[in-house]
Amino acid sequence: MSRLLRSVFLASCALALTLPASGFAAAGEKPNAQHEQAIQNPSGRFVQELGDKAIQIVADKGQGAEQRNEKFTTLLSTYFDLKTIGRFVIGRSWNSATPEQQTEYMRLFEALVIKNYGARMTLYTGEGFVVTGTRTESEIDTTVNSQITHPDGSAPTVIDWRVRQKDGKTGVIDVIVEGVSLSVTQRQEYAAVIQNNGGQIEGLLKAMRDQLNATPVSVKK
């Protein structure tokens, strides 16, 4: 179940999966014309703000883990439509779950993101985040193209964000890393866990609880 959790962290801090184990020089400058055009679109500007705030969090070495996680939680709840993401990845099992199970599932979903990948925030070494384009998908959905640039000059990591504007609210509902939809991938993994537990959501919740209670794996710098 770790793939979306790993990837949502990447999406929400725009850096986690690509942070290297050793330091590099400072990141390069943002591409001017392409970037400036992209952030004229409200969704493009929204995603750039997300990336900029994420970098502020991970680059601040003076804060403690608790303070950093609080900021990450705020970032997550502000910029992501977690209810839409959570309902999609759990599929039809959401409708068969009780209100209590739905509430616990969403709580575990967010808690696991913070626990499992919060430690990676300490590995920031100067990566940059740049919105490079936008594409309208529907009346409410826009795909925002972006790149994570690496200070060593290696090829940037391409990330697309599905942003939904509905009922006066804006939020990320999917992230596509190098062409792979993270929500679709996690939906398949959650479905397998539920199927292996007799089609009951309780099996998934137990697995999530166990993961949350497990000793976190240390991340080497």
Protein backbone atom coordinates (compact mmCIF):
# COMPACT_ATOMS: atom_id res chain seq x y z
CA MET A 1 0.00 0.00 0.00
CA SER A 2 2.98 2.28 0.05
CA ARG A 3 3.03 3.51 -3.54
CA LEU A 4 0.37 6.22 -3.31
CA LEU A 5 1.47 7.18 0.17
CA ARG A 6 4.98 7.63 -1.20
CA SER A 7 3.66 9.49 -4.20
CA VAL A 8 1.18 11.71 -2.41
CA PHE A 9 4.09 12.89 -0.32
CA LEU A 10 5.93 13.64 -3.54
CA ALA A 11 2.92 15.51 -4.79
CA SER A 12 2.35 17.47 -1.64
CA CYS A 13 5.93 18.52 -1.10
CA ALA A 14 6.89 18.22 -4.78
CA LEU A 15 10.25 16.76 -3.86
CA ALA A 16 10.18 13.64 -1.71
CA LEU A 17 10.82 10.83 -4.19
CA THR A 18 13.57 12.65 -6.03
CA LEU A 19 15.70 13.85 -3.16
CA PRO A 20 19.24 12.45 -3.46
CA ALA A 21 21.28 10.98 -0.66
CA SER A 22 24.09 13.49 -1.09
CA GLY A 23 24.28 17.24 -1.53
CA PHE A 24 24.39 19.12 -4.82
CA ALA A 25 24.93 22.69 -5.85
CA ALA A 26 22.08 25.21 -5.96
CA ALA A 27 19.17 24.59 -8.32
CA GLY A 28 18.94 26.38 -11.65
CA GLU A 29 16.64 29.27 -12.47
CA LYS A 30 13.05 28.86 -13.58
CA PRO A 31 12.39 28.94 -17.34
CA ASN A 32 11.01 32.43 -17.97
CA ALA A 33 8.48 32.62 -20.85
CA GLN A 34 7.07 29.09 -20.49
CA HIS A 35 6.77 29.39 -16.74
CA GLU A 36 5.29 32.88 -16.78
CA GLN A 37 2.63 31.84 -19.28
CA ALA A 38 1.71 28.76 -17.27
CA ILE A 39 1.16 30.60 -14.01
CA GLN A 40 -1.26 33.00 -15.66
CA ASN A 41 -3.68 30.11 -15.46
CA PRO A 42 -5.25 29.94 -11.95
CA SER A 43 -4.55 26.21 -11.67
CA GLY A 44 -0.96 26.69 -12.79
CA ARG A 45 -0.48 29.42 -10.21
CA PHE A 46 -2.12 27.19 -7.57
CA VAL A 47 0.34 24.35 -8.18
CA GLN A 48 3.34 26.68 -8.26
CA GLU A 49 2.28 28.08 -4.89
CA LEU A 50 2.04 24.51 -3.58
CA GLY A 51 5.58 23.73 -4.76
CA ASP A 52 7.00 26.97 -3.39
CA LYS A 53 5.46 26.46 0.04
CA ALA A 54 6.62 22.84 0.10
CA ILE A 55 10.18 23.90 -0.58
CA GLN A 56 9.96 26.45 2.24
CA ILE A 57 9.00 23.62 4.58
CA VAL A 58 11.69 21.16 3.54
CA ALA A 59 14.42 23.80 3.30
CA ASP A 60 13.93 25.01 6.87
CA LYS A 61 16.45 22.97 8.83
CA GLY A 62 15.80 24.85 12.06
CA GLN A 63 12.37 23.39 12.75
CA GLY A 64 11.65 20.21 14.65
CA ALA A 65 9.90 17.16 13.25
CA GLU A 66 6.61 17.99 14.98
CA GLN A 67 6.55 21.53 13.63
CA ARG A 68 7.46 20.31 10.14
CA ASN A 69 4.71 17.70 10.21
CA GLU A 70 2.17 20.29 11.31
CA LYS A 71 3.10 22.47 8.35
CA PHE A 72 2.95 19.48 6.03
CA THR A 73 -0.51 18.56 7.34
CA THR A 74 -1.71 22.11 6.69
CA LEU A 75 -0.22 22.02 3.20
CA LEU A 76 -1.91 18.71 2.47
CA SER A 77 -5.34 19.81 3.65
CA THR A 78 -5.08 23.17 1.87
CA TYR A 79 -3.94 22.04 -1.57
CA PHE A 80 -5.32 18.49 -1.91
CA ASP A 81 -8.89 17.27 -2.22
CA LEU A 82 -8.22 14.30 0.04
CA LYS A 83 -11.87 13.24 0.15
CA THR A 84 -12.02 12.91 -3.64
CA ILE A 85 -8.66 11.11 -3.78
CA GLY A 86 -9.53 8.80 -0.92
CA ARG A 87 -12.93 7.87 -2.32
CA PHE A 88 -11.45 7.18 -5.74
CA VAL A 89 -8.62 4.93 -4.57
CA ILE A 90 -10.90 2.87 -2.35
CA GLY A 91 -13.35 2.37 -5.21
CA ARG A 92 -16.79 0.89 -4.65
CA SER A 93 -15.82 -0.21 -1.15
CA TRP A 94 -16.40 3.38 -0.01
CA ASN A 95 -20.15 2.99 -0.56
CA SER A 96 -20.31 -0.24 1.43
CA ALA A 97 -18.29 1.16 4.34
CA THR A 98 -20.01 2.52 7.42
CA PRO A 99 -19.64 6.24 8.23
CA GLU A 100 -17.29 5.24 11.05
CA GLN A 101 -15.13 3.20 8.65
CA GLN A 102 -15.07 6.04 6.12
CA THR A 103 -13.91 8.48 8.79
CA GLU A 104 -11.20 6.11 10.03
CA TYR A 105 -10.01 5.39 6.50
CA MET A 106 -9.50 9.08 5.71
CA ARG A 107 -7.73 9.63 9.04
CA LEU A 108 -5.39 6.70 8.44
CA PHE A 109 -4.75 7.79 4.87
CA GLU A 110 -3.48 11.21 5.93
CA ALA A 111 -1.60 9.93 8.98
CA LEU A 112 0.33 7.37 6.93
CA VAL A 113 1.46 9.97 4.43
CA ILE A 114 2.90 12.08 7.21
CA LYS A 115 4.48 9.21 9.14
CA ASN A 116 6.06 7.25 6.33
CA TYR A 117 7.53 10.07 4.33
CA GLY A 118 7.87 13.04 6.65
CA ALA A 119 11.44 11.96 7.32
CA ARG A 120 12.35 12.57 3.68
CA MET A 121 11.75 16.27 4.15
CA THR A 122 15.11 16.50 5.88
CA LEU A 123 16.92 15.42 2.68
CA TYR A 124 16.32 18.60 0.70
CA THR A 125 19.51 19.75 -1.02
CA GLY A 126 18.42 22.47 -3.40
CA GLU A 127 15.98 20.91 -5.87
CA GLY A 128 13.68 23.30 -7.70
CA PHE A 129 10.01 23.10 -8.62
CA VAL A 130 8.74 24.68 -11.83
CA VAL A 131 5.27 24.76 -13.42
CA THR A 132 5.78 24.51 -17.18
CA GLY A 133 2.31 24.36 -18.73
CA THR A 134 -1.43 23.80 -18.36
CA ARG A 135 -4.11 21.93 -20.29
CA THR A 136 -7.87 22.23 -19.84
CA GLU A 137 -9.50 18.80 -19.42
CA SER A 138 -13.09 19.77 -18.63
CA GLU A 139 -15.12 22.61 -17.18
CA ILE A 140 -13.77 21.83 -13.73
CA ASP A 141 -10.48 19.95 -14.32
CA THR A 142 -7.09 21.21 -15.51
CA THR A 143 -3.83 19.31 -15.94
CA VAL A 144 -0.82 21.30 -14.76
CA ASN A 145 2.59 20.23 -16.07
CA SER A 146 5.63 20.66 -13.86
CA GLN A 147 9.20 19.57 -13.35
CA ILE A 148 11.45 18.95 -10.39
CA THR A 149 14.88 20.25 -11.37
CA HIS A 150 18.06 18.76 -9.97
CA PRO A 151 21.11 20.80 -9.02
CA ASP A 152 23.48 18.28 -10.62
CA GLY A 153 22.06 19.06 -14.06
CA SER A 154 20.43 15.65 -14.54
CA ALA A 155 17.13 15.34 -16.39
CA PRO A 156 14.20 16.84 -14.46
CA THR A 157 11.45 14.66 -13.05
CA VAL A 158 8.17 15.29 -14.89
CA ILE A 159 5.04 15.56 -12.76
CA ASP A 160 1.52 16.38 -13.93
CA TRP A 161 -1.18 17.49 -11.50
CA ARG A 162 -4.91 17.06 -12.01
CA VAL A 163 -6.49 20.13 -10.42
CA ARG A 164 -10.24 20.45 -9.85
CA GLN A 165 -12.09 23.72 -9.32
CA LYS A 166 -15.57 23.03 -8.00
CA ASP A 167 -18.00 24.84 -5.70
CA GLY A 168 -15.52 27.66 -5.19
CA LYS A 169 -12.75 25.33 -4.04
CA THR A 170 -9.52 24.26 -5.76
CA GLY A 171 -7.65 21.05 -5.00
CA VAL A 172 -5.32 18.45 -6.48
CA ILE A 173 -7.16 15.18 -7.21
CA ASP A 174 -4.42 13.17 -8.94
CA VAL A 175 -0.71 13.24 -9.61
CA ILE A 176 0.95 11.66 -12.62
CA VAL A 177 4.65 10.97 -12.14
CA GLU A 178 6.54 10.22 -15.34
CA GLY A 179 3.26 9.19 -17.00
CA VAL A 180 1.95 6.97 -14.18
CA SER A 181 -1.28 7.96 -12.43
CA LEU A 182 -0.73 7.50 -8.73
CA SER A 183 -4.42 7.37 -7.87
CA VAL A 184 -5.10 4.62 -10.40
CA THR A 185 -2.09 2.63 -9.20
CA GLN A 186 -3.13 2.88 -5.56
CA ARG A 187 -6.73 2.02 -6.40
CA GLN A 188 -5.47 -1.27 -7.85
CA GLU A 189 -3.38 -2.00 -4.75
CA TYR A 190 -6.20 -1.19 -2.33
CA ALA A 191 -8.59 -3.36 -4.34
CA ALA A 192 -6.16 -6.28 -4.04
CA VAL A 193 -5.94 -5.88 -0.25
CA ILE A 194 -9.72 -5.72 0.09
CA GLN A 195 -10.20 -8.72 -2.20
CA ASN A 196 -7.67 -10.75 -0.21
CA ASN A 197 -9.73 -10.02 2.89
CA GLY A 198 -13.03 -11.35 1.61
CA GLY A 199 -14.11 -8.09 0.04
CA GLN A 200 -14.28 -6.37 3.42
CA ILE A 201 -12.90 -2.87 3.96
CA GLU A 202 -11.98 -3.84 7.50
CA GLY A 203 -9.07 -5.83 6.09
CA LEU A 204 -7.69 -2.68 4.48
CA LEU A 205 -8.21 -0.64 7.64
CA LYS A 206 -6.36 -3.25 9.69
CA ALA A 207 -3.44 -3.20 7.26
CA MET A 208 -3.35 0.59 7.45
CA ARG A 209 -3.48 0.54 11.25
CA ASP A 210 -0.64 -1.98 11.36
CA GLN A 211 1.44 0.18 9.06
CA LEU A 212 0.76 3.27 11.14
CA ASN A 213 1.78 1.49 14.34
CA ALA A 214 4.92 -0.08 12.87
CA THR A 215 8.35 1.34 13.64
CA PRO A 216 9.24 3.78 10.87
CA VAL A 217 12.18 2.98 8.64
CA SER A 218 15.03 5.44 9.11
CA VAL A 219 16.14 7.47 6.12
CA LYS A 220 19.88 7.83 5.64
CA LYS A 221 21.29 11.14 4.52
